[in-house]
Every structure is written in C-alpha cells, then in structure tokens.
All heavy atoms as atom14 arrays in JSON, in Angstrom:
{
  "sequence": "HGGAHRHTVVMRPKTRLAEIYGPSEVRVSS",
  "atom14_mask": [
    [1, 1, 1, 1, 1, 1, 1, 1, 1, 1, 0, 0, 0, 0],
    [1, 1, 1, 1, 0, 0, 0, 0, 0, 0, 0, 0, 0, 0],
    [1, 1, 1, 1, 0, 0, 0, 0, 0, 0, 0, 0, 0, 0],
    [1, 1, 1, 1, 1, 0, 0, 0, 0, 0, 0, 0, 0, 0],
    [1, 1, 1, 1, 1, 1, 1, 1, 1, 1, 0, 0, 0, 0],
    [1, 1, 1, 1, 1, 1, 1, 1, 1, 1, 1, 0, 0, 0],
    [1, 1, 1, 1, 1, 1, 1, 1, 1, 1, 0, 0, 0, 0],
    [1, 1, 1, 1, 1, 1, 1, 0, 0, 0, 0, 0, 0, 0],
    [1, 1, 1, 1, 1, 1, 1, 0, 0, 0, 0, 0, 0, 0],
    [1, 1, 1, 1, 1, 1, 1, 0, 0, 0, 0, 0, 0, 0],
    [1, 1, 1, 1, 1, 1, 1, 1, 0, 0, 0, 0, 0, 0],
    [1, 1, 1, 1, 1, 1, 1, 1, 1, 1, 1, 0, 0, 0],
    [1, 1, 1, 1, 1, 1, 1, 0, 0, 0, 0, 0, 0, 0],
    [1, 1, 1, 1, 1, 1, 1, 1, 1, 0, 0, 0, 0, 0],
    [1, 1, 1, 1, 1, 1, 1, 0, 0, 0, 0, 0, 0, 0],
    [1, 1, 1, 1, 1, 1, 1, 1, 1, 1, 1, 0, 0, 0],
    [1, 1, 1, 1, 1, 1, 1, 1, 0, 0, 0, 0, 0, 0],
    [1, 1, 1, 1, 1, 0, 0, 0, 0, 0, 0, 0, 0, 0],
    [1, 1, 1, 1, 1, 1, 1, 1, 1, 0, 0, 0, 0, 0],
    [1, 1, 1, 1, 1, 1, 1, 1, 0, 0, 0, 0, 0, 0],
    [1, 1, 1, 1, 1, 1, 1, 1, 1, 1, 1, 1, 0, 0],
    [1, 1, 1, 1, 0, 0, 0, 0, 0, 0, 0, 0, 0, 0],
    [1, 1, 1, 1, 1, 1, 1, 0, 0, 0, 0, 0, 0, 0],
    [1, 1, 1, 1, 1, 1, 0, 0, 0, 0, 0, 0, 0, 0],
    [1, 1, 1, 1, 1, 1, 1, 1, 1, 0, 0, 0, 0, 0],
    [1, 1, 1, 1, 1, 1, 1, 0, 0, 0, 0, 0, 0, 0],
    [1, 1, 1, 1, 1, 1, 1, 1, 1, 1, 1, 0, 0, 0],
    [1, 1, 1, 1, 1, 1, 1, 0, 0, 0, 0, 0, 0, 0],
    [1, 1, 1, 1, 1, 1, 0, 0, 0, 0, 0, 0, 0, 0],
    [1, 1, 1, 1, 1, 1, 0, 0, 0, 0, 0, 0, 0, 0]
  ],
  "atom14_positions": [
    [[-52.11, -38.65, -59.24], [-53.38, -38.27, -59.86], [-53.66, -36.77, -59.77], [-54.69, -36.31, -60.24], [-54.53, -39.06, -59.24], [-54.35, -40.55, -59.32], [-54.38, -41.23, -60.52], [-54.12, -41.49, -58.36], [-54.18, -42.53, -60.29], [-54.02, -42.7, -59.0], [0.0, 0.0, 0.0], [0.0, 0.0, 0.0], [0.0, 0.0, 0.0], [0.0, 0.0, 0.0]],
    [[-52.75, -36.04, -59.14], [-52.85, -34.58, -59.12], [-53.5, -33.98, -57.91], [-53.59, -32.76, -57.79], [0.0, 0.0, 0.0], [0.0, 0.0, 0.0], [0.0, 0.0, 0.0], [0.0, 0.0, 0.0], [0.0, 0.0, 0.0], [0.0, 0.0, 0.0], [0.0, 0.0, 0.0], [0.0, 0.0, 0.0], [0.0, 0.0, 0.0], [0.0, 0.0, 0.0]],
    [[-53.96, -34.78, -56.97], [-54.62, -34.24, -55.78], [-53.62, -33.82, -54.72], [-52.41, -34.02, -54.84], [0.0, 0.0, 0.0], [0.0, 0.0, 0.0], [0.0, 0.0, 0.0], [0.0, 0.0, 0.0], [0.0, 0.0, 0.0], [0.0, 0.0, 0.0], [0.0, 0.0, 0.0], [0.0, 0.0, 0.0], [0.0, 0.0, 0.0], [0.0, 0.0, 0.0]],
    [[-54.15, -33.23, -53.64], [-53.31, -32.84, -52.51], [-52.76, -34.1, -51.84], [-53.43, -35.13, -51.76], [-54.1, -32.02, -51.52], [0.0, 0.0, 0.0], [0.0, 0.0, 0.0], [0.0, 0.0, 0.0], [0.0, 0.0, 0.0], [0.0, 0.0, 0.0], [0.0, 0.0, 0.0], [0.0, 0.0, 0.0], [0.0, 0.0, 0.0], [0.0, 0.0, 0.0]],
    [[-51.53, -34.02, -51.37], [-50.88, -35.16, -50.73], [-50.41, -34.72, -49.34], [-49.87, -33.64, -49.18], [-49.68, -35.62, -51.57], [-48.91, -36.75, -50.93], [-49.4, -38.03, -50.87], [-47.7, -36.77, -50.33], [-48.52, -38.81, -50.26], [-47.48, -38.06, -49.93], [0.0, 0.0, 0.0], [0.0, 0.0, 0.0], [0.0, 0.0, 0.0], [0.0, 0.0, 0.0]],
    [[-50.64, -35.56, -48.34], [-50.24, -35.21, -46.98], [-49.18, -36.19, -46.49], [-49.25, -37.4, -46.74], [-51.45, -35.23, -46.04], [-52.52, -34.22, -46.4], [-53.62, -34.16, -45.36], [-53.19, -33.55, -44.13], [-53.14, -32.24, -43.91], [-53.49, -31.39, -44.87], [-52.74, -31.76, -42.75], [0.0, 0.0, 0.0], [0.0, 0.0, 0.0], [0.0, 0.0, 0.0]],
    [[-48.19, -35.63, -45.82], [-47.17, -36.46, -45.16], [-46.63, -35.69, -43.97], [-46.92, -34.49, -43.8], [-46.04, -36.85, -46.13], [-45.25, -35.7, -46.65], [-44.28, -35.06, -45.92], [-45.28, -35.07, -47.85], [-43.74, -34.09, -46.64], [-44.32, -34.07, -47.81], [0.0, 0.0, 0.0], [0.0, 0.0, 0.0], [0.0, 0.0, 0.0], [0.0, 0.0, 0.0]],
    [[-45.86, -36.34, -43.14], [-45.35, -35.69, -41.94], [-44.04, -34.94, -42.23], [-43.3, -35.3, -43.14], [-45.09, -36.71, -40.81], [-44.12, -37.66, -41.26], [-46.38, -37.41, -40.42], [0.0, 0.0, 0.0], [0.0, 0.0, 0.0], [0.0, 0.0, 0.0], [0.0, 0.0, 0.0], [0.0, 0.0, 0.0], [0.0, 0.0, 0.0], [0.0, 0.0, 0.0]],
    [[-43.8, -33.92, -41.44], [-42.5, -33.23, -41.41], [-42.13, -33.03, -39.95], [-43.0, -32.95, -39.08], [-42.53, -31.87, -42.15], [-42.87, -32.04, -43.61], [-43.5, -30.91, -41.49], [0.0, 0.0, 0.0], [0.0, 0.0, 0.0], [0.0, 0.0, 0.0], [0.0, 0.0, 0.0], [0.0, 0.0, 0.0], [0.0, 0.0, 0.0], [0.0, 0.0, 0.0]],
    [[-40.84, -32.97, -39.7], [-40.33, -32.78, -38.34], [-39.58, -31.45, -38.28], [-38.67, -31.21, -39.06], [-39.39, -33.93, -37.93], [-38.87, -33.71, -36.51], [-40.11, -35.26, -38.04], [0.0, 0.0, 0.0], [0.0, 0.0, 0.0], [0.0, 0.0, 0.0], [0.0, 0.0, 0.0], [0.0, 0.0, 0.0], [0.0, 0.0, 0.0], [0.0, 0.0, 0.0]],
    [[-39.99, -30.59, -37.35], [-39.38, -29.29, -37.21], [-38.01, -29.41, -36.52], [-37.85, -30.19, -35.58], [-40.27, -28.35, -36.39], [-41.67, -28.2, -36.94], [-41.69, -27.55, -38.62], [-43.33, -28.06, -39.15], [0.0, 0.0, 0.0], [0.0, 0.0, 0.0], [0.0, 0.0, 0.0], [0.0, 0.0, 0.0], [0.0, 0.0, 0.0], [0.0, 0.0, 0.0]],
    [[-37.06, -28.65, -37.01], [-35.74, -28.62, -36.38], [-35.83, -27.81, -35.08], [-36.43, -26.74, -35.05], [-34.73, -27.94, -37.32], [-34.04, -28.87, -38.29], [-33.07, -29.78, -37.57], [-32.4, -30.72, -38.45], [-31.25, -30.48, -39.09], [-30.67, -29.31, -38.98], [-30.71, -31.39, -39.84], [0.0, 0.0, 0.0], [0.0, 0.0, 0.0], [0.0, 0.0, 0.0]],
    [[-35.19, -28.3, -34.0], [-35.22, -27.57, -32.72], [-34.57, -26.19, -32.84], [-33.69, -25.97, -33.68], [-34.41, -28.47, -31.78], [-34.41, -29.82, -32.43], [-34.45, -29.57, -33.91], [0.0, 0.0, 0.0], [0.0, 0.0, 0.0], [0.0, 0.0, 0.0], [0.0, 0.0, 0.0], [0.0, 0.0, 0.0], [0.0, 0.0, 0.0], [0.0, 0.0, 0.0]],
    [[-35.02, -25.27, -32.02], [-34.44, -23.93, -31.89], [-34.5, -23.15, -33.2], [-33.58, -22.41, -33.55], [-33.01, -24.0, -31.38], [-32.88, -24.65, -30.01], [-31.43, -24.71, -29.54], [-31.33, -25.38, -28.18], [-29.91, -25.45, -27.7], [0.0, 0.0, 0.0], [0.0, 0.0, 0.0], [0.0, 0.0, 0.0], [0.0, 0.0, 0.0], [0.0, 0.0, 0.0]],
    [[-35.57, -23.34, -33.95], [-35.77, -22.59, -35.19], [-37.09, -21.82, -35.09], [-37.92, -22.08, -34.21], [-35.84, -23.51, -36.42], [-36.95, -24.42, -36.26], [-34.56, -24.31, -36.59], [0.0, 0.0, 0.0], [0.0, 0.0, 0.0], [0.0, 0.0, 0.0], [0.0, 0.0, 0.0], [0.0, 0.0, 0.0], [0.0, 0.0, 0.0], [0.0, 0.0, 0.0]],
    [[-37.27, -20.88, -36.0], [-38.53, -20.15, -36.07], [-39.68, -21.11, -36.35], [-40.78, -20.96, -35.82], [-38.44, -19.07, -37.15], [-39.73, -18.29, -37.33], [-39.56, -17.14, -38.28], [-38.82, -16.04, -37.66], [-37.69, -15.55, -38.11], [-37.13, -16.06, -39.18], [-37.09, -14.54, -37.49], [0.0, 0.0, 0.0], [0.0, 0.0, 0.0], [0.0, 0.0, 0.0]],
    [[-39.43, -22.11, -37.22], [-40.48, -23.07, -37.54], [-40.9, -23.85, -36.3], [-42.09, -24.12, -36.09], [-40.0, -24.03, -38.62], [-40.22, -23.66, -40.1], [-41.69, -23.52, -40.42], [-39.46, -22.42, -40.49], [0.0, 0.0, 0.0], [0.0, 0.0, 0.0], [0.0, 0.0, 0.0], [0.0, 0.0, 0.0], [0.0, 0.0, 0.0], [0.0, 0.0, 0.0]],
    [[-39.94, -24.22, -35.45], [-40.26, -24.95, -34.23], [-41.05, -24.07, -33.26], [-41.94, -24.56, -32.55], [-38.99, -25.46, -33.57], [0.0, 0.0, 0.0], [0.0, 0.0, 0.0], [0.0, 0.0, 0.0], [0.0, 0.0, 0.0], [0.0, 0.0, 0.0], [0.0, 0.0, 0.0], [0.0, 0.0, 0.0], [0.0, 0.0, 0.0], [0.0, 0.0, 0.0]],
    [[-40.74, -22.79, -33.23], [-41.49, -21.87, -32.37], [-42.95, -21.79, -32.82], [-43.86, -21.67, -31.99], [-40.86, -20.48, -32.41], [-39.5, -20.39, -31.74], [-38.88, -19.01, -31.91], [-39.55, -18.13, -32.49], [-37.74, -18.82, -31.45], [0.0, 0.0, 0.0], [0.0, 0.0, 0.0], [0.0, 0.0, 0.0], [0.0, 0.0, 0.0], [0.0, 0.0, 0.0]],
    [[-43.18, -21.84, -34.11], [-44.53, -21.7, -34.65], [-45.3, -23.01, -34.59], [-46.46, -23.06, -34.13], [-44.48, -21.18, -36.1], [-43.9, -19.76, -36.13], [-45.87, -21.21, -36.74], [-43.58, -19.26, -37.52], [0.0, 0.0, 0.0], [0.0, 0.0, 0.0], [0.0, 0.0, 0.0], [0.0, 0.0, 0.0], [0.0, 0.0, 0.0], [0.0, 0.0, 0.0]],
    [[-44.68, -24.1, -35.04], [-45.36, -25.39, -35.17], [-45.14, -26.31, -33.97], [-45.84, -27.32, -33.84], [-44.9, -26.11, -36.43], [-45.46, -25.55, -37.71], [-44.83, -24.51, -38.38], [-46.65, -26.06, -38.26], [-45.36, -23.99, -39.57], [-47.17, -25.56, -39.44], [-46.53, -24.52, -40.09], [-47.04, -24.01, -41.25], [0.0, 0.0, 0.0], [0.0, 0.0, 0.0]],
    [[-44.18, -25.97, -33.11], [-43.82, -26.87, -32.04], [-42.7, -27.79, -32.47], [-42.42, -27.95, -33.65], [0.0, 0.0, 0.0], [0.0, 0.0, 0.0], [0.0, 0.0, 0.0], [0.0, 0.0, 0.0], [0.0, 0.0, 0.0], [0.0, 0.0, 0.0], [0.0, 0.0, 0.0], [0.0, 0.0, 0.0], [0.0, 0.0, 0.0], [0.0, 0.0, 0.0]],
    [[-42.05, -28.46, -31.5], [-40.86, -29.27, -31.82], [-41.18, -30.65, -32.38], [-40.26, -31.36, -32.79], [-40.17, -29.39, -30.46], [-41.3, -29.31, -29.47], [-42.32, -28.38, -30.06], [0.0, 0.0, 0.0], [0.0, 0.0, 0.0], [0.0, 0.0, 0.0], [0.0, 0.0, 0.0], [0.0, 0.0, 0.0], [0.0, 0.0, 0.0], [0.0, 0.0, 0.0]],
    [[-42.43, -31.04, -32.4], [-42.77, -32.39, -32.84], [-43.09, -32.41, -34.34], [-43.02, -31.39, -35.02], [-43.95, -32.93, -32.04], [-45.07, -32.08, -32.21], [0.0, 0.0, 0.0], [0.0, 0.0, 0.0], [0.0, 0.0, 0.0], [0.0, 0.0, 0.0], [0.0, 0.0, 0.0], [0.0, 0.0, 0.0], [0.0, 0.0, 0.0], [0.0, 0.0, 0.0]],
    [[-43.5, -33.57, -34.83], [-43.84, -33.68, -36.24], [-45.29, -33.28, -36.48], [-46.14, -33.39, -35.59], [-43.59, -35.09, -36.75], [-44.5, -36.18, -36.17], [-44.2, -37.54, -36.76], [-43.01, -37.83, -37.04], [-45.15, -38.31, -36.94], [0.0, 0.0, 0.0], [0.0, 0.0, 0.0], [0.0, 0.0, 0.0], [0.0, 0.0, 0.0], [0.0, 0.0, 0.0]],
    [[-45.57, -32.76, -37.67], [-46.92, -32.39, -38.06], [-47.18, -32.93, -39.47], [-46.24, -33.23, -40.21], [-47.14, -30.86, -38.05], [-46.96, -30.29, -36.66], [-46.2, -30.16, -39.03], [0.0, 0.0, 0.0], [0.0, 0.0, 0.0], [0.0, 0.0, 0.0], [0.0, 0.0, 0.0], [0.0, 0.0, 0.0], [0.0, 0.0, 0.0], [0.0, 0.0, 0.0]],
    [[-48.45, -33.05, -39.81], [-48.82, -33.49, -41.16], [-49.12, -32.25, -41.99], [-49.85, -31.35, -41.56], [-50.03, -34.41, -41.12], [-49.71, -35.77, -40.52], [-50.92, -36.71, -40.57], [-51.26, -37.05, -41.94], [-50.67, -38.0, -42.66], [-49.67, -38.69, -42.14], [-51.05, -38.28, -43.89], [0.0, 0.0, 0.0], [0.0, 0.0, 0.0], [0.0, 0.0, 0.0]],
    [[-48.54, -32.2, -43.17], [-48.71, -31.03, -44.04], [-49.24, -31.47, -45.4], [-49.16, -32.64, -45.77], [-47.38, -30.27, -44.22], [-46.89, -29.73, -42.89], [-46.32, -31.17, -44.86], [0.0, 0.0, 0.0], [0.0, 0.0, 0.0], [0.0, 0.0, 0.0], [0.0, 0.0, 0.0], [0.0, 0.0, 0.0], [0.0, 0.0, 0.0], [0.0, 0.0, 0.0]],
    [[-49.79, -30.52, -46.13], [-50.33, -30.77, -47.46], [-49.36, -30.23, -48.5], [-49.07, -29.03, -48.52], [-51.7, -30.08, -47.61], [-52.19, -30.22, -48.92], [0.0, 0.0, 0.0], [0.0, 0.0, 0.0], [0.0, 0.0, 0.0], [0.0, 0.0, 0.0], [0.0, 0.0, 0.0], [0.0, 0.0, 0.0], [0.0, 0.0, 0.0], [0.0, 0.0, 0.0]],
    [[-48.85, -31.12, -49.35], [-47.9, -30.67, -50.37], [-48.06, -31.5, -51.63], [-48.7, -32.55, -51.63], [-46.45, -30.78, -49.86], [-46.08, -32.12, -49.66], [0.0, 0.0, 0.0], [0.0, 0.0, 0.0], [0.0, 0.0, 0.0], [0.0, 0.0, 0.0], [0.0, 0.0, 0.0], [0.0, 0.0, 0.0], [0.0, 0.0, 0.0], [0.0, 0.0, 0.0]]
  ]
}
C-alpha cells in the first residue's frame, strides 16, 4: 500500500555496522 515497512536485520560481527548498531538484530524501516 506504499507505507513504511519494518522488519528485523542482523548485523554481521566485526563490522562497522556491528560497532554502531551492536551485534544483535534490530528493527529497521525500509
């Protein structure tokens, strides 16, 4: 329907993304 959609993502260990978001999963808007 065109609205924002949220789902989980899991950060890869030992990456810049993991340093920023932490090593666990987070819910993102995409």
